[in-house]
Amino acid sequence: MNKHSSIKPTQSELEILQIIWDNGPSTVRFVNDRLNERKKTGYTTTLKLMQIMLQKNLLRRNEKSKIHIYHPGVQKEEMLSELLNRFLENTFSGSAHKLVMKALGNHKTSKTELEEIKKLIKDLEKNNDRTAK
């Protein structure tokens, strides 16, 4: 995420991105309606946030039609990886081990989740074995 590494979206901006990632290209009205399902948010507040996000390249806007349609300016997986890396570095001194131990200790993990975690660990071990040879 090199070109976006300096972007630090706010919580409100992440909420807007999540709506657009989940629903596809959207108008301000649509985004505002989804935000209002969780908390009261004024239309002009949503519009202003989305304009700021446009300047930060978090969103792109199609201005060809009368109604402006906003698209994500960043890919979800890229942004999540960047945010996780920043969180890991700032909160756990870069230790994935500490993060995982804390997450598993604070959360009731289902049997299915544990199986997925075990599979991920096995896959990581196989990849490490291949690169070590």
C-alpha atoms as a PDB file:
ATOM      1  CA  MET A   1       0.000   0.000   0.000  1.00  0.00           C
ATOM      2  CA  ASN A   2       2.879   2.316  -0.743  1.00  0.00           C
ATOM      3  CA  LYS A   3       0.916   5.183  -2.234  1.00  0.00           C
ATOM      4  CA  HIS A   4      -1.532   5.133   0.681  1.00  0.00           C
ATOM      5  CA  SER A   5       0.899   4.511   3.532  1.00  0.00           C
ATOM      6  CA  SER A   6       0.549   8.057   4.818  1.00  0.00           C
ATOM      7  CA  ILE A   7      -3.262   7.894   4.795  1.00  0.00           C
ATOM      8  CA  LYS A   8      -4.713   7.529   8.245  1.00  0.00           C
ATOM      9  CA  PRO A   9      -8.490   7.274   7.910  1.00  0.00           C
ATOM     10  CA  THR A  10     -10.587   8.319  10.876  1.00  0.00           C
ATOM     11  CA  GLN A  11     -13.184   6.011  12.405  1.00  0.00           C
ATOM     12  CA  SER A  12     -15.941   7.870  10.533  1.00  0.00           C
ATOM     13  CA  GLU A  13     -14.045   7.533   7.267  1.00  0.00           C
ATOM     14  CA  LEU A  14     -13.608   3.808   7.848  1.00  0.00           C
ATOM     15  CA  GLU A  15     -17.366   3.480   8.434  1.00  0.00           C
ATOM     16  CA  ILE A  16     -18.016   5.181   5.089  1.00  0.00           C
ATOM     17  CA  LEU A  17     -15.447   3.015   3.314  1.00  0.00           C
ATOM     18  CA  GLN A  18     -17.008  -0.115   4.805  1.00  0.00           C
ATOM     19  CA  ILE A  19     -20.429   0.882   3.451  1.00  0.00           C
ATOM     20  CA  ILE A  20     -19.017   1.460  -0.037  1.00  0.00           C
ATOM     21  CA  TRP A  21     -16.903  -1.714   0.049  1.00  0.00           C
ATOM     22  CA  ASP A  22     -19.957  -3.734   1.102  1.00  0.00           C
ATOM     23  CA  ASN A  23     -22.491  -2.112  -1.243  1.00  0.00           C
ATOM     24  CA  GLY A  24     -20.473  -0.937  -4.218  1.00  0.00           C
ATOM     25  CA  PRO A  25     -20.460   2.540  -5.759  1.00  0.00           C
ATOM     26  CA  SER A  26     -22.819   4.770  -3.783  1.00  0.00           C
ATOM     27  CA  THR A  27     -24.319   8.227  -3.530  1.00  0.00           C
ATOM     28  CA  VAL A  28     -23.945  10.453  -0.486  1.00  0.00           C
ATOM     29  CA  ARG A  29     -27.655   9.880   0.249  1.00  0.00           C
ATOM     30  CA  PHE A  30     -27.206   6.097   0.271  1.00  0.00           C
ATOM     31  CA  VAL A  31     -24.136   6.280   2.532  1.00  0.00           C
ATOM     32  CA  ASN A  32     -25.908   8.711   4.861  1.00  0.00           C
ATOM     33  CA  ASP A  33     -28.956   6.431   5.089  1.00  0.00           C
ATOM     34  CA  ARG A  34     -26.723   3.459   6.033  1.00  0.00           C
ATOM     35  CA  LEU A  35     -24.881   5.557   8.644  1.00  0.00           C
ATOM     36  CA  ASN A  36     -28.212   6.630  10.138  1.00  0.00           C
ATOM     37  CA  GLU A  37     -29.118   2.990  10.740  1.00  0.00           C
ATOM     38  CA  ARG A  38     -26.476   3.012  13.507  1.00  0.00           C
ATOM     39  CA  LYS A  39     -26.308   6.617  14.664  1.00  0.00           C
ATOM     40  CA  LYS A  40     -27.867   9.926  13.703  1.00  0.00           C
ATOM     41  CA  THR A  41     -25.684  11.606  11.101  1.00  0.00           C
ATOM     42  CA  GLY A  42     -26.588  14.721   9.155  1.00  0.00           C
ATOM     43  CA  TYR A  43     -26.487  14.649   5.367  1.00  0.00           C
ATOM     44  CA  THR A  44     -24.148  17.640   5.187  1.00  0.00           C
ATOM     45  CA  THR A  45     -21.783  15.961   7.662  1.00  0.00           C
ATOM     46  CA  THR A  46     -21.640  12.854   5.464  1.00  0.00           C
ATOM     47  CA  LEU A  47     -21.166  14.997   2.354  1.00  0.00           C
ATOM     48  CA  LYS A  48     -18.300  16.937   3.954  1.00  0.00           C
ATOM     49  CA  LEU A  49     -16.605  13.733   5.146  1.00  0.00           C
ATOM     50  CA  MET A  50     -16.862  12.206   1.689  1.00  0.00           C
ATOM     51  CA  GLN A  51     -15.438  15.378   0.106  1.00  0.00           C
ATOM     52  CA  ILE A  52     -12.475  15.209   2.498  1.00  0.00           C
ATOM     53  CA  MET A  53     -12.061  11.513   1.677  1.00  0.00           C
ATOM     54  CA  LEU A  54     -12.011  12.438  -2.011  1.00  0.00           C
ATOM     55  CA  GLN A  55      -9.140  14.868  -1.343  1.00  0.00           C
ATOM     56  CA  LYS A  56      -7.293  12.165   0.621  1.00  0.00           C
ATOM     57  CA  ASN A  57      -7.818   9.715  -2.286  1.00  0.00           C
ATOM     58  CA  LEU A  58      -9.784   7.377  -0.035  1.00  0.00           C
ATOM     59  CA  LEU A  59     -12.700   7.812  -2.460  1.00  0.00           C
ATOM     60  CA  ARG A  60     -13.079   8.511  -6.156  1.00  0.00           C
ATOM     61  CA  ARG A  61     -16.110  10.225  -7.665  1.00  0.00           C
ATOM     62  CA  ASN A  62     -17.853   9.748 -10.997  1.00  0.00           C
ATOM     63  CA  GLU A  63     -19.087  13.189 -12.009  1.00  0.00           C
ATOM     64  CA  LYS A  64     -20.429  12.246 -15.451  1.00  0.00           C
ATOM     65  CA  SER A  65     -24.032  11.959 -14.305  1.00  0.00           C
ATOM     66  CA  LYS A  66     -26.103  14.510 -12.442  1.00  0.00           C
ATOM     67  CA  ILE A  67     -25.789  12.457  -9.265  1.00  0.00           C
ATOM     68  CA  HIS A  68     -22.225  11.980  -8.005  1.00  0.00           C
ATOM     69  CA  ILE A  69     -21.379   8.338  -7.464  1.00  0.00           C
ATOM     70  CA  TYR A  70     -18.512   7.551  -5.085  1.00  0.00           C
ATOM     71  CA  HIS A  71     -16.189   4.549  -5.475  1.00  0.00           C
ATOM     72  CA  PRO A  72     -13.496   3.345  -3.088  1.00  0.00           C
ATOM     73  CA  GLY A  73     -10.123   4.898  -3.789  1.00  0.00           C
ATOM     74  CA  VAL A  74      -8.402   2.140  -1.826  1.00  0.00           C
ATOM     75  CA  GLN A  75      -8.839  -1.613  -1.875  1.00  0.00           C
ATOM     76  CA  LYS A  76     -10.304  -3.120   1.277  1.00  0.00           C
ATOM     77  CA  GLU A  77      -7.588  -5.747   1.750  1.00  0.00           C
ATOM     78  CA  GLU A  78      -4.824  -3.199   1.209  1.00  0.00           C
ATOM     79  CA  MET A  79      -6.325  -0.839   3.778  1.00  0.00           C
ATOM     80  CA  LEU A  80      -6.958  -3.606   6.307  1.00  0.00           C
ATOM     81  CA  SER A  81      -3.374  -4.841   5.953  1.00  0.00           C
ATOM     82  CA  GLU A  82      -2.008  -1.326   6.404  1.00  0.00           C
ATOM     83  CA  LEU A  83      -4.195  -0.681   9.459  1.00  0.00           C
ATOM     84  CA  LEU A  84      -3.323  -4.047  10.993  1.00  0.00           C
ATOM     85  CA  ASN A  85       0.407  -3.506  10.423  1.00  0.00           C
ATOM     86  CA  ARG A  86       0.194  -0.063  12.028  1.00  0.00           C
ATOM     87  CA  PHE A  87      -1.814  -1.445  14.970  1.00  0.00           C
ATOM     88  CA  LEU A  88       0.583  -4.366  15.398  1.00  0.00           C
ATOM     89  CA  GLU A  89       3.607  -2.079  15.390  1.00  0.00           C
ATOM     90  CA  ASN A  90       2.132   0.587  17.668  1.00  0.00           C
ATOM     91  CA  THR A  91       0.329  -1.670  20.125  1.00  0.00           C
ATOM     92  CA  PHE A  92       2.303  -4.926  20.241  1.00  0.00           C
ATOM     93  CA  SER A  93       5.802  -3.734  19.251  1.00  0.00           C
ATOM     94  CA  GLY A  94       5.432  -5.636  15.982  1.00  0.00           C
ATOM     95  CA  SER A  95       4.831  -8.990  17.695  1.00  0.00           C
ATOM     96  CA  ALA A  96       2.188 -11.060  15.887  1.00  0.00           C
ATOM     97  CA  HIS A  97       2.522 -13.617  18.707  1.00  0.00           C
ATOM     98  CA  LYS A  98       1.433 -11.092  21.348  1.00  0.00           C
ATOM     99  CA  LEU A  99      -1.467  -9.933  19.181  1.00  0.00           C
ATOM    100  CA  VAL A 100      -2.757 -13.461  18.552  1.00  0.00           C
ATOM    101  CA  MET A 101      -2.380 -14.498  22.191  1.00  0.00           C
ATOM    102  CA  LYS A 102      -4.282 -11.413  23.350  1.00  0.00           C
ATOM    103  CA  ALA A 103      -7.002 -11.865  20.730  1.00  0.00           C
ATOM    104  CA  LEU A 104      -7.517 -15.534  21.572  1.00  0.00           C
ATOM    105  CA  GLY A 105      -7.407 -14.840  25.306  1.00  0.00           C
ATOM    106  CA  ASN A 106     -10.055 -12.103  25.128  1.00  0.00           C
ATOM    107  CA  HIS A 107     -12.414 -13.865  22.755  1.00  0.00           C
ATOM    108  CA  LYS A 108     -14.426 -17.061  22.910  1.00  0.00           C
ATOM    109  CA  THR A 109     -13.081 -18.907  19.889  1.00  0.00           C
ATOM    110  CA  SER A 110     -15.419 -21.357  18.164  1.00  0.00           C
ATOM    111  CA  LYS A 111     -14.334 -24.823  17.114  1.00  0.00           C
ATOM    112  CA  THR A 112     -14.574 -23.754  13.466  1.00  0.00           C
ATOM    113  CA  GLU A 113     -12.374 -20.725  14.091  1.00  0.00           C
ATOM    114  CA  LEU A 114      -9.803 -22.881  15.891  1.00  0.00           C
ATOM    115  CA  GLU A 115      -9.729 -25.308  12.938  1.00  0.00           C
ATOM    116  CA  GLU A 116      -9.186 -22.406  10.528  1.00  0.00           C
ATOM    117  CA  ILE A 117      -6.383 -21.071  12.738  1.00  0.00           C
ATOM    118  CA  LYS A 118      -4.740 -24.516  12.848  1.00  0.00           C
ATOM    119  CA  LYS A 119      -4.958 -24.765   9.044  1.00  0.00           C
ATOM    120  CA  LEU A 120      -3.426 -21.317   8.665  1.00  0.00           C
ATOM    121  CA  ILE A 121      -0.559 -22.268  10.989  1.00  0.00           C
ATOM    122  CA  LYS A 122       0.084 -25.480   9.015  1.00  0.00           C
ATOM    123  CA  ASP A 123       0.084 -23.527   5.740  1.00  0.00           C
ATOM    124  CA  LEU A 124       2.494 -20.957   7.185  1.00  0.00           C
ATOM    125  CA  GLU A 125       4.791 -23.728   8.417  1.00  0.00           C
ATOM    126  CA  LYS A 126       4.796 -25.356   4.948  1.00  0.00           C
ATOM    127  CA  ASN A 127       5.632 -22.029   3.321  1.00  0.00           C
ATOM    128  CA  ASN A 128       8.429 -21.412   5.826  1.00  0.00           C
ATOM    129  CA  ASP A 129       9.852 -24.895   5.180  1.00  0.00           C
ATOM    130  CA  ARG A 130       9.851 -24.269   1.411  1.00  0.00           C
ATOM    131  CA  THR A 131      11.584 -20.900   1.697  1.00  0.00           C
ATOM    132  CA  ALA A 132      14.186 -22.265   4.144  1.00  0.00           C
ATOM    133  CA  LYS A 133      15.355 -24.909   1.637  1.00  0.00           C
END
